[in-house]
C-alpha cells in the first residue's frame, strides 16, 4: 500500500522520504508511524531525489521524514 509523506515536497532535501509502504489502504498520507515491514522483511521507499530503496527495520529510525528545504 502506498503512502505519501505530507512533510516532503520537491524542494525538500534529496534524502527525504516521499512515498513509502504503509498499512491501512492506499493513496493516503502520513509519517513513519504508518510505515510497515509486515508485507516483507523490509519496506519499499521512494525519496525526493527519485531514488528508491528497500529499508530494513534497523534503518527506519535514521530516515529523513521532516522535509527540510535545500539551501538555495
Protein backbone atom coordinates (compact mmCIF):
# COMPACT_ATOMS: atom_id res chain seq x y z
CA UNK A 1 0.00 0.00 0.00
CA UNK A 2 1.49 3.35 -0.96
CA UNK A 3 1.56 6.32 1.38
CA UNK A 4 2.75 9.88 0.84
CA UNK A 5 4.81 11.79 3.38
CA UNK A 6 2.94 15.14 3.79
CA UNK A 7 6.11 16.79 5.16
CA UNK A 8 8.01 16.27 1.88
CA UNK A 9 7.88 18.41 -1.24
CA UNK A 10 10.04 18.82 -4.38
CA UNK A 11 12.26 21.37 -2.58
CA UNK A 12 12.99 19.03 0.34
CA UNK A 13 16.43 17.56 0.90
CA UNK A 14 17.09 14.74 -1.61
CA UNK A 15 17.14 12.01 1.05
CA UNK A 16 13.66 12.87 2.39
CA UNK A 17 11.11 10.03 2.26
CA UNK A 18 8.43 10.90 -0.31
CA UNK A 19 6.45 7.65 -0.73
CA UNK A 20 6.57 4.54 1.40
CA UNK A 21 4.91 1.24 2.08
CA UNK A 22 2.38 1.56 4.87
CA UNK A 23 -0.59 -0.17 6.42
CA UNK A 24 -4.25 0.73 6.17
CA UNK A 25 -5.06 1.13 2.48
CA UNK A 26 -3.57 3.06 -0.42
CA UNK A 27 -3.28 6.64 -1.65
CA UNK A 28 -3.02 8.13 1.84
CA UNK A 29 -0.71 10.49 3.68
CA UNK A 30 1.15 10.03 6.93
CA UNK A 31 4.50 9.61 8.57
CA UNK A 32 6.78 6.98 9.99
CA UNK A 33 4.09 5.81 12.43
CA UNK A 34 2.24 4.25 9.45
CA UNK A 35 5.26 2.52 7.94
CA UNK A 36 5.16 -1.27 7.90
CA UNK A 37 7.52 -4.12 7.19
CA UNK A 38 4.61 -6.55 7.54
CA UNK A 39 4.40 -7.37 3.83
CA UNK A 40 8.14 -8.12 3.50
CA UNK A 41 11.14 -8.16 5.80
CA UNK A 42 11.83 -4.57 4.70
CA UNK A 43 9.92 -1.53 3.40
CA UNK A 44 9.99 -0.04 -0.11
CA UNK A 45 10.73 3.72 -0.24
CA UNK A 46 10.84 6.49 -2.83
CA UNK A 47 12.93 9.52 -1.93
CA UNK A 48 12.57 13.13 -3.12
CA UNK A 49 15.59 12.78 -5.44
CA UNK A 50 13.81 9.94 -7.29
CA UNK A 51 15.93 7.15 -5.86
CA UNK A 52 14.28 4.06 -4.47
CA UNK A 53 15.38 1.81 -1.67
CA UNK A 54 14.47 -1.16 0.42
CA UNK A 55 14.85 -0.22 4.06
CA UNK A 56 15.13 -2.75 6.85
CA UNK A 57 13.74 -2.22 10.36
CA UNK A 58 17.19 -1.30 11.70
CA UNK A 59 17.42 1.66 9.25
CA UNK A 60 13.96 3.19 9.80
CA UNK A 61 14.99 5.42 12.70
CA UNK A 62 17.70 7.07 10.57
CA UNK A 63 15.37 8.12 7.71
CA UNK A 64 14.68 11.79 6.97
CA UNK A 65 10.92 12.45 7.28
CA UNK A 66 10.85 16.19 8.02
CA UNK A 67 11.40 17.52 4.51
CA UNK A 68 13.72 20.39 5.38
CA UNK A 69 14.26 22.57 2.37
CA UNK A 70 17.53 22.55 0.45
CA UNK A 71 19.59 25.75 0.70
CA UNK A 72 19.35 27.96 -2.43
